[in-house]
Amino acid sequence: MNTFKGPFRVIFEDLRIQFYILTGVTVVLSLVYLIIGKILSSHDTFTVGASFGPYYSLFLYYPFLAYTKAYKYTLSLGGTRKQFLLSTITNIGIFLIMTTLILNAFYLLTDYLTNKEIISAKLIHMGDLVKGASPLLYPWIDLLWGIVLFGFGLFVCSFWYYFGTVRTMIAATFLLILAISYIAFGEINPFIQFMISKHLAFVHILAGISCLLIVLSYFIMRNGPLERCTKLNLSL
C-alpha cells in the first residue's frame, strides 16, 4: 500500500458503513417529524425536531473510531501515517458534502409541505440562528458545523493517541478549570449575546479554529507512534 489509493479506500469503506447507518436513522427521524407535523396540523407553524443530530455526531466521534480501527489497518497494510491523515481528512470532506445535501433536501421538503399547508411542522436548523439569512447560507452553516466538530474531534483524538490518556486528562482538567473560572468570575453575557446575535461570525471563527486544529493534528501525528501512548513521560 504505497499509494494514496489504498489508505483512502480503507477510510472510505469504514465511513461508508457509518454513513449508511446514520442516513437510515436520519431518514426515519425526518419522516417521524413529518408525520407528527401532519397529525398536529394547525394554522401556526411550530418547530418539531432536529434531523442533523446523527450526522453531526459522526464528524465528532469518527476520529476516535479511525484511530482505534482504520489507523492500525492502514499501517499494517503498508500505509503511512501521512496517508492515513490525508485520507481521513479527504473522506470526511466528501461525506460532509453528501450529508449536507441530504439534510438540506429534507429542510426543503419540509418548507415545501409547510407552504402548501400540508403540514405545520418545521425542522430545527442551525441556520435559523442567522437572522434574515439567505437560503444558500443554510447548507453553508451545516458545512461549517461539520468542520467544527471534526476539527475538534480530530485534535482531541490525535492529542490522546500521541500523548496518552493521563496527559489528555491533565490538559482537559486544566482547560475545564479555566472555563469554570471564566464563567464564575468573568462576564459571560457578552459572549452568549455574540454567539446568538452574531451566529454566522461565531461559526466562521470556530471553523477557522478547527482548521488550525486539523493542521496541528497533522503535524502531531505525521510521525506519530504505532501504538497509543500508555506511559506518563513528563518530558514533553
Protein backbone atom coordinates (compact mmCIF):
# COMPACT_ATOMS: atom_id res chain seq x y z
CA MET A 1 0.00 0.00 0.00
CA ASN A 2 2.50 2.58 -1.20
CA THR A 3 0.00 4.87 -2.90
CA PHE A 4 -2.75 7.14 -1.63
CA LYS A 5 -5.47 4.91 -3.10
CA GLY A 6 -5.08 2.11 -0.54
CA PRO A 7 -5.43 4.20 2.65
CA PHE A 8 -8.17 6.25 1.02
CA ARG A 9 -10.12 3.06 0.32
CA VAL A 10 -9.72 1.80 3.89
CA ILE A 11 -11.13 5.04 5.34
CA PHE A 12 -13.81 5.28 2.64
CA GLU A 13 -15.20 1.80 3.31
CA ASP A 14 -15.24 2.42 7.06
CA LEU A 15 -17.00 5.77 6.66
CA ARG A 16 -19.41 4.34 4.09
CA ILE A 17 -20.81 1.89 6.64
CA GLN A 18 -21.24 4.67 9.21
CA PHE A 19 -22.85 6.85 6.55
CA TYR A 20 -25.42 4.19 5.59
CA ILE A 21 -26.40 3.57 9.20
CA LEU A 22 -26.74 7.23 10.12
CA THR A 23 -28.55 8.06 6.88
CA GLY A 24 -31.14 5.43 7.76
CA VAL A 25 -31.53 6.95 11.23
CA THR A 26 -31.78 10.46 9.75
CA VAL A 27 -34.44 9.42 7.23
CA VAL A 28 -36.53 7.69 9.92
CA LEU A 29 -36.24 10.71 12.23
CA SER A 30 -37.23 13.12 9.48
CA LEU A 31 -40.22 11.00 8.44
CA VAL A 32 -41.37 10.77 12.05
CA TYR A 33 -41.15 14.56 12.34
CA LEU A 34 -43.15 14.98 9.12
CA ILE A 35 -45.82 12.56 10.37
CA ILE A 36 -46.04 14.46 13.65
CA GLY A 37 -46.37 17.68 11.67
CA LYS A 38 -49.23 16.16 9.72
CA ILE A 39 -51.04 14.77 12.75
CA LEU A 40 -50.68 18.01 14.70
CA SER A 41 -51.55 20.19 11.72
CA SER A 42 -52.68 23.68 12.72
CA HIS A 43 -52.73 27.25 11.42
CA ASP A 44 -49.50 28.11 13.21
CA THR A 45 -46.15 26.67 12.19
CA PHE A 46 -44.21 25.04 15.00
CA THR A 47 -40.75 23.51 15.36
CA VAL A 48 -40.89 19.74 15.71
CA GLY A 49 -37.33 18.37 15.90
CA ALA A 50 -33.78 18.19 14.61
CA SER A 51 -32.55 15.78 11.94
CA PHE A 52 -28.91 16.83 11.99
CA GLY A 53 -28.02 15.04 15.24
CA PRO A 54 -26.87 11.69 13.77
CA TYR A 55 -24.71 13.30 11.06
CA TYR A 56 -23.21 15.87 13.42
CA SER A 57 -22.26 13.10 15.84
CA LEU A 58 -20.47 11.24 13.03
CA PHE A 59 -17.98 14.05 12.45
CA LEU A 60 -17.33 14.36 16.18
CA TYR A 61 -16.78 10.70 17.08
CA TYR A 62 -15.37 9.31 13.83
CA PRO A 63 -11.75 10.41 14.58
CA PHE A 64 -11.86 8.13 17.64
CA LEU A 65 -13.07 5.21 15.50
CA ALA A 66 -10.42 5.98 12.90
CA TYR A 67 -7.58 5.83 15.43
CA THR A 68 -8.87 2.63 17.02
CA LYS A 69 -9.54 0.78 13.73
CA ALA A 70 -8.53 2.36 10.42
CA TYR A 71 -5.18 3.66 11.72
CA LYS A 72 -3.96 0.16 12.57
CA TYR A 73 -5.33 -1.33 9.34
CA THR A 74 -3.63 1.34 7.25
CA LEU A 75 -0.24 0.86 8.90
CA SER A 76 -0.48 -2.95 8.91
CA LEU A 77 -1.12 -2.93 5.15
CA GLY A 78 1.94 -0.77 4.50
CA GLY A 79 0.37 2.68 4.53
CA THR A 80 1.95 5.69 6.18
CA ARG A 81 0.70 7.99 8.90
CA LYS A 82 0.56 10.90 6.46
CA GLN A 83 -1.55 8.84 4.07
CA PHE A 84 -3.90 7.92 6.91
CA LEU A 85 -4.34 11.55 7.95
CA LEU A 86 -4.83 12.88 4.43
CA SER A 87 -7.23 10.02 3.60
CA THR A 88 -9.27 10.73 6.73
CA ILE A 89 -9.50 14.46 6.03
CA THR A 90 -10.35 13.91 2.34
CA ASN A 91 -13.04 11.32 3.05
CA ILE A 92 -14.60 13.44 5.78
CA GLY A 93 -14.79 16.31 3.28
CA ILE A 94 -16.58 14.10 0.76
CA PHE A 95 -19.08 12.71 3.26
CA LEU A 96 -19.61 16.16 4.76
CA ILE A 97 -20.82 17.42 1.39
CA MET A 98 -23.08 14.36 0.96
CA THR A 99 -24.64 14.69 4.40
CA THR A 100 -25.21 18.41 3.88
CA LEU A 101 -27.09 17.74 0.65
CA ILE A 102 -29.28 15.10 2.30
CA LEU A 103 -30.08 17.25 5.33
CA ASN A 104 -30.99 20.28 3.28
CA ALA A 105 -33.14 18.16 0.96
CA PHE A 106 -35.28 17.34 4.00
CA TYR A 107 -35.32 21.01 5.03
CA LEU A 108 -36.53 22.00 1.57
CA LEU A 109 -39.14 19.23 1.59
CA THR A 110 -40.44 20.37 4.98
CA ASP A 111 -40.62 24.01 3.86
CA TYR A 112 -42.46 22.98 0.70
CA LEU A 113 -45.04 20.92 2.61
CA THR A 114 -45.45 23.76 5.12
CA ASN A 115 -46.01 26.34 2.39
CA LYS A 116 -48.62 24.06 0.83
CA GLU A 117 -50.25 23.80 4.28
CA ILE A 118 -49.94 20.03 4.20
CA ILE A 119 -48.07 20.01 7.50
CA SER A 120 -47.42 22.63 10.15
CA ALA A 121 -44.03 21.39 11.34
CA LYS A 122 -40.62 22.88 10.77
CA LEU A 123 -37.30 21.13 11.32
CA ILE A 124 -34.70 22.78 13.53
CA HIS A 125 -31.74 24.10 11.54
CA MET A 126 -28.66 25.80 12.96
CA GLY A 127 -29.03 28.35 10.17
CA ASP A 128 -32.21 29.63 11.85
CA LEU A 129 -29.96 31.46 14.29
CA VAL A 130 -28.70 33.61 11.41
CA LYS A 131 -31.40 36.25 11.23
CA GLY A 132 -32.56 37.12 7.73
CA ALA A 133 -30.22 34.51 6.27
CA SER A 134 -30.32 33.63 2.59
CA PRO A 135 -31.42 30.03 1.87
CA LEU A 136 -27.95 29.42 0.44
CA LEU A 137 -26.46 30.02 3.89
CA TYR A 138 -28.26 27.01 5.36
CA PRO A 139 -26.08 24.36 3.68
CA TRP A 140 -23.05 26.55 4.34
CA ILE A 141 -23.86 26.56 8.08
CA ASP A 142 -24.08 22.76 8.02
CA LEU A 143 -20.69 22.55 6.31
CA LEU A 144 -19.14 24.89 8.86
CA TRP A 145 -20.52 22.97 11.83
CA GLY A 146 -19.26 19.72 10.30
CA ILE A 147 -15.78 21.24 10.05
CA VAL A 148 -16.00 22.49 13.64
CA LEU A 149 -16.98 19.11 15.06
CA PHE A 150 -14.47 17.15 13.00
CA GLY A 151 -11.64 19.59 13.74
CA PHE A 152 -12.13 19.45 17.49
CA GLY A 153 -12.68 15.69 17.44
CA LEU A 154 -9.57 15.03 15.35
CA PHE A 155 -7.36 17.23 17.52
CA VAL A 156 -8.54 15.67 20.78
CA CYS A 157 -8.05 12.15 19.42
CA SER A 158 -4.63 12.99 17.94
CA PHE A 159 -3.52 14.50 21.24
CA TRP A 160 -4.89 11.50 23.15
CA TYR A 161 -3.21 8.98 20.84
CA TYR A 162 0.18 10.74 20.84
CA PHE A 163 0.41 11.84 24.49
CA GLY A 164 -1.74 9.21 26.19
CA THR A 165 -4.78 9.24 28.44
CA VAL A 166 -3.08 10.71 31.54
CA ARG A 167 -1.72 13.77 29.77
CA THR A 168 -5.01 14.24 27.94
CA MET A 169 -6.93 14.19 31.22
CA ILE A 170 -4.48 16.68 32.76
CA ALA A 171 -4.90 19.04 29.81
CA ALA A 172 -8.70 18.62 29.88
CA THR A 173 -8.78 19.34 33.62
CA PHE A 174 -6.68 22.47 33.15
CA LEU A 175 -8.98 23.75 30.38
CA LEU A 176 -12.05 22.91 32.46
CA ILE A 177 -10.68 24.92 35.39
CA LEU A 178 -10.07 27.88 33.10
CA ALA A 179 -13.60 27.62 31.70
CA ILE A 180 -15.18 27.39 35.15
CA SER A 181 -13.09 30.33 36.36
CA TYR A 182 -14.16 32.43 33.39
CA ILE A 183 -17.83 31.56 33.92
CA ALA A 184 -17.63 32.21 37.66
CA PHE A 185 -15.56 35.41 37.67
CA GLY A 186 -15.82 36.74 34.14
CA GLU A 187 -18.59 38.41 32.21
CA ILE A 188 -20.09 35.66 30.06
CA ASN A 189 -23.21 37.51 28.87
CA PRO A 190 -21.40 39.37 26.03
CA PHE A 191 -20.08 36.04 24.75
CA ILE A 192 -23.56 34.47 24.79
CA GLN A 193 -25.04 37.51 23.07
CA PHE A 194 -22.33 37.38 20.41
CA MET A 195 -22.91 33.64 19.88
CA ILE A 196 -26.64 34.19 19.33
CA SER A 197 -26.86 37.58 17.64
CA LYS A 198 -23.73 37.12 15.50
CA HIS A 199 -24.08 33.40 14.91
CA LEU A 200 -22.65 33.48 11.39
CA ALA A 201 -19.48 35.22 12.53
CA PHE A 202 -19.28 32.92 15.56
CA VAL A 203 -19.44 29.76 13.43
CA HIS A 204 -16.84 31.12 10.99
CA ILE A 205 -14.48 31.80 13.89
CA LEU A 206 -14.99 28.30 15.24
CA ALA A 207 -14.47 26.82 11.76
CA GLY A 208 -11.23 28.79 11.40
CA ILE A 209 -10.01 27.48 14.75
CA SER A 210 -11.00 23.96 13.72
CA CYS A 211 -8.99 24.24 10.50
CA LEU A 212 -5.95 25.21 12.58
CA LEU A 213 -6.61 22.22 14.84
CA ILE A 214 -6.73 19.93 11.82
CA VAL A 215 -3.35 21.26 10.70
CA LEU A 216 -1.96 20.80 14.23
CA SER A 217 -3.31 17.25 14.29
CA TYR A 218 -1.46 16.53 11.06
CA PHE A 219 1.84 17.79 12.46
CA ILE A 220 1.31 15.89 15.72
CA MET A 221 0.58 12.54 14.08
CA ARG A 222 2.51 12.62 10.80
CA ASN A 223 5.34 10.86 12.64
CA GLY A 224 3.17 9.59 15.47
CA PRO A 225 3.56 6.34 17.40
CA LEU A 226 2.42 2.99 16.03
CA GLU A 227 0.58 2.31 19.30
CA ARG A 228 -1.26 4.71 21.57
CA CYS A 229 0.94 6.14 24.29
CA THR A 230 0.21 4.45 27.63
CA LYS A 231 3.06 5.76 29.78
CA LEU A 232 3.35 9.05 31.62
CA ASN A 233 6.61 10.56 30.40
CA LEU A 234 6.97 14.07 31.79
CA SER A 235 9.45 15.12 29.11
CA LEU A 236 7.04 16.59 26.58
